[in-house]
PDB file of N, CA and C in Angstrom:
ATOM      1  N   MET A   1     114.528  75.122  49.192  1.00  0.00           N
ATOM      2  CA  MET A   1     113.297  75.324  48.452  1.00  0.00           C
ATOM      3  C   MET A   1     112.591  76.555  49.019  1.00  0.00           C
ATOM      4  N   THR A   2     112.161  77.426  48.127  1.00  0.00           N
ATOM      5  CA  THR A   2     111.454  78.632  48.568  1.00  0.00           C
ATOM      6  C   THR A   2     109.983  78.314  48.851  1.00  0.00           C
ATOM      7  N   VAL A   3     109.314  79.241  49.498  1.00  0.00           N
ATOM      8  CA  VAL A   3     107.883  79.080  49.762  1.00  0.00           C
ATOM      9  C   VAL A   3     107.134  78.971  48.433  1.00  0.00           C
ATOM     10  N   GLY A   4     107.531  79.777  47.458  1.00  0.00           N
ATOM     11  CA  GLY A   4     106.896  79.720  46.146  1.00  0.00           C
ATOM     12  C   GLY A   4     107.055  78.362  45.483  1.00  0.00           C
ATOM     13  N   GLU A   5     108.253  77.813  45.564  1.00  0.00           N
ATOM     14  CA  GLU A   5     108.488  76.483  44.999  1.00  0.00           C
ATOM     15  C   GLU A   5     107.650  75.432  45.721  1.00  0.00           C
ATOM     16  N   LYS A   6     107.520  75.580  47.039  1.00  0.00           N
ATOM     17  CA  LYS A   6     106.714  74.628  47.809  1.00  0.00           C
ATOM     18  C   LYS A   6     105.245  74.739  47.436  1.00  0.00           C
ATOM     19  N   ILE A   7     104.735  75.966  47.271  1.00  0.00           N
ATOM     20  CA  ILE A   7     103.340  76.130  46.860  1.00  0.00           C
ATOM     21  C   ILE A   7     103.121  75.429  45.521  1.00  0.00           C
ATOM     22  N   GLN A   8     104.028  75.646  44.576  1.00  0.00           N
ATOM     23  CA  GLN A   8     103.880  75.006  43.264  1.00  0.00           C
ATOM     24  C   GLN A   8     103.944  73.491  43.388  1.00  0.00           C
ATOM     25  N   GLU A   9     104.845  72.987  44.208  1.00  0.00           N
ATOM     26  CA  GLU A   9     104.966  71.547  44.409  1.00  0.00           C
ATOM     27  C   GLU A   9     103.662  70.971  44.978  1.00  0.00           C
ATOM     28  N   LEU A  10     103.090  71.675  45.943  1.00  0.00           N
ATOM     29  CA  LEU A  10     101.838  71.210  46.553  1.00  0.00           C
ATOM     30  C   LEU A  10     100.671  71.311  45.572  1.00  0.00           C
ATOM     31  N   LEU A  11     100.665  72.337  44.741  1.00  0.00           N
ATOM     32  CA  LEU A  11      99.636  72.434  43.701  1.00  0.00           C
ATOM     33  C   LEU A  11      99.757  71.257  42.733  1.00  0.00           C
ATOM     34  N   ASP A  12     100.974  70.975  42.303  1.00  0.00           N
ATOM     35  CA  ASP A  12     101.198  69.852  41.387  1.00  0.00           C
ATOM     36  C   ASP A  12     100.762  68.540  42.032  1.00  0.00           C
ATOM     37  N   TRP A  13     101.153  68.366  43.278  1.00  0.00           N
ATOM     38  CA  TRP A  13     100.814  67.139  44.001  1.00  0.00           C
ATOM     39  C   TRP A  13      99.298  66.975  44.117  1.00  0.00           C
ATOM     40  N   GLY A  14      98.606  68.045  44.424  1.00  0.00           N
ATOM     41  CA  GLY A  14      97.169  67.969  44.637  1.00  0.00           C
ATOM     42  C   GLY A  14      96.333  68.094  43.378  1.00  0.00           C
ATOM     43  N   GLY A  15      96.982  68.319  42.233  1.00  0.00           N
ATOM     44  CA  GLY A  15      96.248  68.453  40.992  1.00  0.00           C
ATOM     45  C   GLY A  15      95.413  69.722  40.926  1.00  0.00           C
ATOM     46  N   LYS A  16      95.875  70.755  41.615  1.00  0.00           N
ATOM     47  CA  LYS A  16      95.152  72.038  41.631  1.00  0.00           C
ATOM     48  C   LYS A  16      95.935  73.073  40.834  1.00  0.00           C
ATOM     49  N   ASN A  17      95.250  74.165  40.472  1.00  0.00           N
ATOM     50  CA  ASN A  17      95.932  75.266  39.809  1.00  0.00           C
ATOM     51  C   ASN A  17      95.826  76.518  40.682  1.00  0.00           C
ATOM     52  N   GLN A  18      96.446  77.588  40.240  1.00  0.00           N
ATOM     53  CA  GLN A  18      96.477  78.816  41.037  1.00  0.00           C
ATOM     54  C   GLN A  18      95.080  79.387  41.258  1.00  0.00           C
ATOM     55  N   LYS A  19      94.233  79.308  40.252  1.00  0.00           N
ATOM     56  CA  LYS A  19      92.876  79.832  40.387  1.00  0.00           C
ATOM     57  C   LYS A  19      92.105  79.071  41.461  1.00  0.00           C
ATOM     58  N   GLU A  20      92.215  77.752  41.457  1.00  0.00           N
ATOM     59  CA  GLU A  20      91.532  76.938  42.470  1.00  0.00           C
ATOM     60  C   GLU A  20      92.062  77.254  43.861  1.00  0.00           C
ATOM     61  N   LEU A  21      93.382  77.410  43.976  1.00  0.00           N
ATOM     62  CA  LEU A  21      93.972  77.742  45.268  1.00  0.00           C
ATOM     63  C   LEU A  21      93.465  79.094  45.754  1.00  0.00           C
ATOM     64  N   ALA A  22      93.363  80.050  44.850  1.00  0.00           N
ATOM     65  CA  ALA A  22      92.854  81.375  45.221  1.00  0.00           C
ATOM     66  C   ALA A  22      91.425  81.268  45.754  1.00  0.00           C
ATOM     67  N   GLU A  23      90.607  80.499  45.081  1.00  0.00           N
ATOM     68  CA  GLU A  23      89.214  80.341  45.512  1.00  0.00           C
ATOM     69  C   GLU A  23      89.123  79.632  46.863  1.00  0.00           C
ATOM     70  N   LEU A  24      89.932  78.600  47.049  1.00  0.00           N
ATOM     71  CA  LEU A  24      89.901  77.834  48.301  1.00  0.00           C
ATOM     72  C   LEU A  24      90.476  78.611  49.481  1.00  0.00           C
ATOM     73  N   SER A  25      91.483  79.437  49.220  1.00  0.00           N
ATOM     74  CA  SER A  25      92.201  80.107  50.307  1.00  0.00           C
ATOM     75  C   SER A  25      91.698  81.513  50.608  1.00  0.00           C
ATOM     76  N   GLY A  26      91.080  82.143  49.631  1.00  0.00           N
ATOM     77  CA  GLY A  26      90.699  83.539  49.812  1.00  0.00           C
ATOM     78  C   GLY A  26      91.856  84.495  49.581  1.00  0.00           C
ATOM     79  N   VAL A  27      92.968  83.993  49.066  1.00  0.00           N
ATOM     80  CA  VAL A  27      94.130  84.807  48.716  1.00  0.00           C
ATOM     81  C   VAL A  27      94.037  85.057  47.210  1.00  0.00           C
ATOM     82  N   SER A  28      94.282  86.270  46.761  1.00  0.00           N
ATOM     83  CA  SER A  28      94.102  86.577  45.349  1.00  0.00           C
ATOM     84  C   SER A  28      95.032  85.743  44.467  1.00  0.00           C
ATOM     85  N   GLN A  29      94.539  85.468  43.254  1.00  0.00           N
ATOM     86  CA  GLN A  29      95.342  84.694  42.312  1.00  0.00           C
ATOM     87  C   GLN A  29      96.625  85.429  41.939  1.00  0.00           C
ATOM     88  N   SER A  30      96.564  86.761  41.855  1.00  0.00           N
ATOM     89  CA  SER A  30      97.776  87.518  41.524  1.00  0.00           C
ATOM     90  C   SER A  30      98.813  87.408  42.642  1.00  0.00           C
ATOM     91  N   ALA A  31      98.358  87.404  43.902  1.00  0.00           N
ATOM     92  CA  ALA A  31      99.294  87.237  45.018  1.00  0.00           C
ATOM     93  C   ALA A  31      99.923  85.847  44.978  1.00  0.00           C
ATOM     94  N   ILE A  32      99.109  84.838  44.727  1.00  0.00           N
ATOM     95  CA  ILE A  32      99.639  83.467  44.660  1.00  0.00           C
ATOM     96  C   ILE A  32     100.665  83.359  43.541  1.00  0.00           C
ATOM     97  N   SER A  33     100.366  83.962  42.395  1.00  0.00           N
ATOM     98  CA  SER A  33     101.323  83.976  41.284  1.00  0.00           C
ATOM     99  C   SER A  33     102.626  84.654  41.693  1.00  0.00           C
ATOM    100  N   ASP A  34     102.520  85.771  42.401  1.00  0.00           N
ATOM    101  CA  ASP A  34     103.722  86.469  42.879  1.00  0.00           C
ATOM    102  C   ASP A  34     104.520  85.614  43.850  1.00  0.00           C
ATOM    103  N   TYR A  35     103.836  84.874  44.723  1.00  0.00           N
ATOM    104  CA  TYR A  35     104.538  84.002  45.676  1.00  0.00           C
ATOM    105  C   TYR A  35     105.295  82.909  44.927  1.00  0.00           C
ATOM    106  N   ILE A  36     104.619  82.295  43.956  1.00  0.00           N
ATOM    107  CA  ILE A  36     105.229  81.196  43.203  1.00  0.00           C
ATOM    108  C   ILE A  36     106.426  81.684  42.401  1.00  0.00           C
ATOM    109  N   ARG A  37     106.344  82.898  41.879  1.00  0.00           N
ATOM    110  CA  ARG A  37     107.460  83.461  41.105  1.00  0.00           C
ATOM    111  C   ARG A  37     108.497  84.144  41.998  1.00  0.00           C
ATOM    112  N   ASN A  38     108.319  84.053  43.300  1.00  0.00           N
ATOM    113  CA  ASN A  38     109.246  84.633  44.284  1.00  0.00           C
ATOM    114  C   ASN A  38     109.391  86.143  44.150  1.00  0.00           C
ATOM    115  N   ILE A  39     108.306  86.791  43.748  1.00  0.00           N
ATOM    116  CA  ILE A  39     108.282  88.253  43.684  1.00  0.00           C
ATOM    117  C   ILE A  39     107.909  88.816  45.048  1.00  0.00           C
ATOM    118  N   ARG A  40     107.034  88.096  45.740  1.00  0.00           N
ATOM    119  CA  ARG A  40     106.595  88.491  47.087  1.00  0.00           C
ATOM    120  C   ARG A  40     106.670  87.273  48.002  1.00  0.00           C
ATOM    121  N   ILE A  41     106.707  87.553  49.291  1.00  0.00           N
ATOM    122  CA  ILE A  41     106.656  86.506  50.311  1.00  0.00           C
ATOM    123  C   ILE A  41     105.327  86.658  51.039  1.00  0.00           C
ATOM    124  N   PRO A  42     104.593  85.553  51.218  1.00  0.00           N
ATOM    125  CA  PRO A  42     103.287  85.676  51.880  1.00  0.00           C
ATOM    126  C   PRO A  42     103.419  86.049  53.350  1.00  0.00           C
ATOM    127  N   SER A  43     102.445  86.824  53.816  1.00  0.00           N
ATOM    128  CA  SER A  43     102.372  87.090  55.261  1.00  0.00           C
ATOM    129  C   SER A  43     102.061  85.766  55.953  1.00  0.00           C
ATOM    130  N   ILE A  44     102.229  85.717  57.242  1.00  0.00           N
ATOM    131  CA  ILE A  44     101.927  84.493  57.984  1.00  0.00           C
ATOM    132  C   ILE A  44     100.444  84.149  57.864  1.00  0.00           C
ATOM    133  N   GLU A  45      99.598  85.173  57.804  1.00  0.00           N
ATOM    134  CA  GLU A  45      98.155  84.935  57.653  1.00  0.00           C
ATOM    135  C   GLU A  45      97.844  84.333  56.292  1.00  0.00           C
ATOM    136  N   ALA A  46      98.444  84.879  55.233  1.00  0.00           N
ATOM    137  CA  ALA A  46      98.230  84.344  53.888  1.00  0.00           C
ATOM    138  C   ALA A  46      98.793  82.935  53.778  1.00  0.00           C
ATOM    139  N   ALA A  47      99.964  82.718  54.367  1.00  0.00           N
ATOM    140  CA  ALA A  47     100.572  81.383  54.343  1.00  0.00           C
ATOM    141  C   ALA A  47      99.673  80.358  55.048  1.00  0.00           C
ATOM    142  N   GLN A  48      99.060  80.748  56.154  1.00  0.00           N
ATOM    143  CA  GLN A  48      98.165  79.829  56.869  1.00  0.00           C
ATOM    144  C   GLN A  48      96.934  79.504  56.021  1.00  0.00           C
ATOM    145  N   LYS A  49      96.377  80.507  55.350  1.00  0.00           N
ATOM    146  CA  LYS A  49      95.219  80.282  54.475  1.00  0.00           C
ATOM    147  C   LYS A  49      95.586  79.332  53.338  1.00  0.00           C
ATOM    148  N   ILE A  50      96.763  79.532  52.766  1.00  0.00           N
ATOM    149  CA  ILE A  50      97.224  78.675  51.670  1.00  0.00           C
ATOM    150  C   ILE A  50      97.457  77.258  52.176  1.00  0.00           C
ATOM    151  N   ALA A  51      98.105  77.126  53.325  1.00  0.00           N
ATOM    152  CA  ALA A  51      98.340  75.797  53.905  1.00  0.00           C
ATOM    153  C   ALA A  51      97.021  75.088  54.166  1.00  0.00           C
ATOM    154  N   ASP A  52      96.058  75.798  54.737  1.00  0.00           N
ATOM    155  CA  ASP A  52      94.746  75.196  55.001  1.00  0.00           C
ATOM    156  C   ASP A  52      94.083  74.741  53.704  1.00  0.00           C
ATOM    157  N   ALA A  53      94.148  75.580  52.670  1.00  0.00           N
ATOM    158  CA  ALA A  53      93.527  75.239  51.389  1.00  0.00           C
ATOM    159  C   ALA A  53      94.194  74.042  50.726  1.00  0.00           C
ATOM    160  N   LEU A  54      95.491  73.882  50.979  1.00  0.00           N
ATOM    161  CA  LEU A  54      96.232  72.751  50.406  1.00  0.00           C
ATOM    162  C   LEU A  54      96.227  71.532  51.327  1.00  0.00           C
ATOM    163  N   ASP A  55      95.572  71.680  52.480  1.00  0.00           N
ATOM    164  CA  ASP A  55      95.435  70.585  53.446  1.00  0.00           C
ATOM    165  C   ASP A  55      96.783  70.089  53.967  1.00  0.00           C
ATOM    166  N   VAL A  56      97.650  71.048  54.272  1.00  0.00           N
ATOM    167  CA  VAL A  56      98.940  70.737  54.893  1.00  0.00           C
ATOM    168  C   VAL A  56      99.125  71.673  56.077  1.00  0.00           C
ATOM    169  N   SER A  57     100.051  71.341  56.942  1.00  0.00           N
ATOM    170  CA  SER A  57     100.337  72.217  58.070  1.00  0.00           C
ATOM    171  C   SER A  57     101.162  73.415  57.594  1.00  0.00           C
ATOM    172  N   LEU A  58     101.142  74.461  58.369  1.00  0.00           N
ATOM    173  CA  LEU A  58     101.972  75.618  58.071  1.00  0.00           C
ATOM    174  C   LEU A  58     103.442  75.220  58.038  1.00  0.00           C
ATOM    175  N   TRP A  59     103.823  74.309  58.906  1.00  0.00           N
ATOM    176  CA  TRP A  59     105.205  73.819  58.941  1.00  0.00           C
ATOM    177  C   TRP A  59     105.602  73.211  57.596  1.00  0.00           C
ATOM    178  N   VAL A  60     104.751  72.366  57.023  1.00  0.00           N
ATOM    179  CA  VAL A  60     105.059  71.739  55.738  1.00  0.00           C
ATOM    180  C   VAL A  60     105.240  72.807  54.662  1.00  0.00           C
ATOM    181  N   LEU A  61     104.393  73.828  54.677  1.00  0.00           N
ATOM    182  CA  LEU A  61     104.487  74.883  53.679  1.00  0.00           C
ATOM    183  C   LEU A  61     105.769  75.705  53.821  1.00  0.00           C
ATOM    184  N   LEU A  62     106.183  75.965  55.036  1.00  0.00           N
ATOM    185  CA  LEU A  62     107.286  76.899  55.273  1.00  0.00           C
ATOM    186  C   LEU A  62     108.645  76.278  55.572  1.00  0.00           C
ATOM    187  N   ASN A  63     108.724  74.956  55.744  1.00  0.00           N
ATOM    188  CA  ASN A  63     109.982  74.378  56.223  1.00  0.00           C
ATOM    189  C   ASN A  63     111.101  74.323  55.196  1.00  0.00           C
ATOM    190  N   GLY A  64     110.811  74.549  53.922  1.00  0.00           N
ATOM    191  CA  GLY A  64     111.874  74.600  52.919  1.00  0.00           C
ATOM    192  C   GLY A  64     112.353  73.264  52.418  1.00  0.00           C
ATOM    193  N   GLU A  65     111.738  72.188  52.865  1.00  0.00           N
ATOM    194  CA  GLU A  65     112.147  70.859  52.420  1.00  0.00           C
ATOM    195  C   GLU A  65     111.182  70.338  51.365  1.00  0.00           C
ATOM    196  N   ALA A  66     111.717  69.611  50.398  1.00  0.00           N
ATOM    197  CA  ALA A  66     110.865  68.983  49.392  1.00  0.00           C
ATOM    198  C   ALA A  66     110.027  67.898  50.050  1.00  0.00           C
ATOM    199  N   LEU A  67     108.889  67.620  49.451  1.00  0.00           N
ATOM    200  CA  LEU A  67     108.022  66.567  49.979  1.00  0.00           C
ATOM    201  C   LEU A  67     108.671  65.210  49.781  1.00  0.00           C
ATOM    202  N   PRO A  68     108.507  64.313  50.742  1.00  0.00           N
ATOM    203  CA  PRO A  68     109.062  62.965  50.586  1.00  0.00           C
ATOM    204  C   PRO A  68     108.132  62.128  49.704  1.00  0.00           C
ATOM    205  N   VAL A  69     108.339  62.221  48.392  1.00  0.00           N
ATOM    206  CA  VAL A  69     107.457  61.561  47.435  1.00  0.00           C
ATOM    207  C   VAL A  69     108.238  60.518  46.659  1.00  0.00           C
ATOM    208  N   THR A  70     107.625  59.369  46.491  1.00  0.00           N
ATOM    209  CA  THR A  70     108.267  58.311  45.705  1.00  0.00           C
ATOM    210  C   THR A  70     107.822  58.420  44.259  1.00  0.00           C
ATOM    211  N   GLU A  71     108.516  57.745  43.383  1.00  0.00           N
ATOM    212  CA  GLU A  71     108.152  57.742  41.972  1.00  0.00           C
ATOM    213  C   GLU A  71     106.747  57.182  41.775  1.00  0.00           C
ATOM    214  N   VAL A  72     106.369  56.184  42.551  1.00  0.00           N
ATOM    215  CA  VAL A  72     105.043  55.581  42.445  1.00  0.00           C
ATOM    216  C   VAL A  72     103.970  56.613  42.771  1.00  0.00           C
ATOM    217  N   ASP A  73     104.182  57.452  43.783  1.00  0.00           N
ATOM    218  CA  ASP A  73     103.204  58.470  44.157  1.00  0.00           C
ATOM    219  C   ASP A  73     102.886  59.396  42.988  1.00  0.00           C
ATOM    220  N   TRP A  74     103.891  59.763  42.201  1.00  0.00           N
ATOM    221  CA  TRP A  74     103.666  60.704  41.107  1.00  0.00           C
ATOM    222  C   TRP A  74     102.900  60.077  39.954  1.00  0.00           C
ATOM    223  N   ARG A  75     102.912  58.748  39.846  1.00  0.00           N
ATOM    224  CA  ARG A  75     102.194  58.094  38.752  1.00  0.00           C
ATOM    225  C   ARG A  75     100.720  57.888  39.065  1.00  0.00           C
ATOM    226  N   VAL A  76     100.329  57.986  40.329  1.00  0.00           N
ATOM    227  CA  VAL A  76      98.941  57.790  40.733  1.00  0.00           C
ATOM    228  C   VAL A  76      98.246  59.150  40.750  1.00  0.00           C
ATOM    229  N   PRO A  77      97.138  59.315  40.008  1.00  0.00           N
ATOM    230  CA  PRO A  77      96.437  60.614  40.000  1.00  0.00           C
ATOM    231  C   PRO A  77      95.989  61.018  41.404  1.00  0.00           C
ATOM    232  N   PRO A  78      95.998  62.332  41.719  1.00  0.00           N
ATOM    233  CA  PRO A  78      95.692  62.820  43.067  1.00  0.00           C
ATOM    234  C   PRO A  78      94.426  62.270  43.709  1.00  0.00           C
ATOM    235  N   PRO A  79      93.268  62.227  43.015  1.00  0.00           N
ATOM    236  CA  PRO A  79      92.068  61.741  43.716  1.00  0.00           C
ATOM    237  C   PRO A  79      92.213  60.289  44.191  1.00  0.00           C
ATOM    238  N   TYR A  80      92.978  59.490  43.425  1.00  0.00           N
ATOM    239  CA  TYR A  80      93.150  58.092  43.795  1.00  0.00           C
ATOM    240  C   TYR A  80      94.135  57.922  44.939  1.00  0.00           C
ATOM    241  N   ARG A  81      95.110  58.836  45.028  1.00  0.00           N
ATOM    242  CA  ARG A  81      96.040  58.780  46.157  1.00  0.00           C
ATOM    243  C   ARG A  81      95.281  58.885  47.463  1.00  0.00           C
ATOM    244  N   GLU A  82      94.322  59.819  47.505  1.00  0.00           N
ATOM    245  CA  GLU A  82      93.555  60.039  48.729  1.00  0.00           C
ATOM    246  C   GLU A  82      92.702  58.820  49.062  1.00  0.00           C
ATOM    247  N   ARG A  83      92.041  58.254  48.056  1.00  0.00           N
ATOM    248  CA  ARG A  83      91.144  57.119  48.295  1.00  0.00           C
ATOM    249  C   ARG A  83      91.883  55.842  48.644  1.00  0.00           C
ATOM    250  N   THR A  84      93.100  55.693  48.124  1.00  0.00           N
ATOM    251  CA  THR A  84      93.839  54.461  48.354  1.00  0.00           C
ATOM    252  C   THR A  84      94.784  54.556  49.540  1.00  0.00           C
ATOM    253  N   GLY A  85      94.826  55.719  50.176  1.00  0.00           N
ATOM    254  CA  GLY A  85      95.698  55.868  51.339  1.00  0.00           C
ATOM    255  C   GLY A  85      97.153  56.046  50.975  1.00  0.00           C
ATOM    256  N   GLY A  86      97.423  56.447  49.722  1.00  0.00           N
ATOM    257  CA  GLY A  86      98.796  56.676  49.298  1.00  0.00           C
ATOM    258  C   GLY A  86      99.430  57.792  50.104  1.00  0.00           C
ATOM    259  N   SER A  87     100.738  57.783  50.205  1.00  0.00           N
ATOM    260  CA  SER A  87     101.417  58.811  50.983  1.00  0.00           C
ATOM    261  C   SER A  87     101.202  60.157  50.330  1.00  0.00           C
ATOM    262  N   GLY A  88     101.178  61.195  51.125  1.00  0.00           N
ATOM    263  CA  GLY A  88     100.925  62.529  50.606  1.00  0.00           C
ATOM    264  C   GLY A  88     101.693  63.565  51.385  1.00  0.00           C
ATOM    265  N   PRO A  89     101.442  64.826  51.081  1.00  0.00           N
ATOM    266  CA  PRO A  89     102.189  65.912  51.711  1.00  0.00           C
ATOM    267  C   PRO A  89     101.677  66.212  53.113  1.00  0.00           C
ATOM    268  N   CYS A  90     101.972  65.319  54.038  1.00  0.00           N
ATOM    269  CA  CYS A  90     101.482  65.521  55.397  1.00  0.00           C
ATOM    270  C   CYS A  90     102.624  65.944  56.310  1.00  0.00           C
ATOM    271  N   ASP A  91     102.291  66.369  57.474  1.00  0.00           N
ATOM    272  CA  ASP A  91     103.269  66.798  58.451  1.00  0.00           C
ATOM    273  C   ASP A  91     104.058  65.571  58.925  1.00  0.00           C
ATOM    274  N   PRO A  92     105.381  65.543  58.768  1.00  0.00           N
ATOM    275  CA  PRO A  92     106.163  64.395  59.198  1.00  0.00           C
ATOM    276  C   PRO A  92     105.968  64.049  60.661  1.00  0.00           C
ATOM    277  N   GLY A  93     105.611  65.023  61.466  1.00  0.00           N
ATOM    278  CA  GLY A  93     105.414  64.768  62.885  1.00  0.00           C
ATOM    279  C   GLY A  93     104.146  63.969  63.175  1.00  0.00           C
ATOM    280  N   LEU A  94     103.263  63.863  62.189  1.00  0.00           N
ATOM    281  CA  LEU A  94     102.001  63.147  62.385  1.00  0.00           C
ATOM    282  C   LEU A  94     102.079  61.704  61.929  1.00  0.00           C
ATOM    283  N   GLN A  95     103.169  61.315  61.317  1.00  0.00           N
ATOM    284  CA  GLN A  95     103.274  59.946  60.813  1.00  0.00           C
ATOM    285  C   GLN A  95     103.670  58.997  61.911  1.00  0.00           C
TER     286      GLN A  95
END
């Protein structure tokens, strides 16, 4: 999985769009679009800003592995996952 694919996966998981991510991270929306389309690779600084905005560790963003998500997780809307303690895109080392 590329960094761009992971960013898109995390956006989908969190119910956010590219514009919201740009506002939260301070990274331009055009850069985020380029990352998702694999036109550019984010600098480590941009990747850290994106990870912080998506509330995941830099490791989760860059490790190339898909998130460990169950079918049930995808059926529960993002705000309810957080309130109900549902599993989410967290650092496996913290579990």
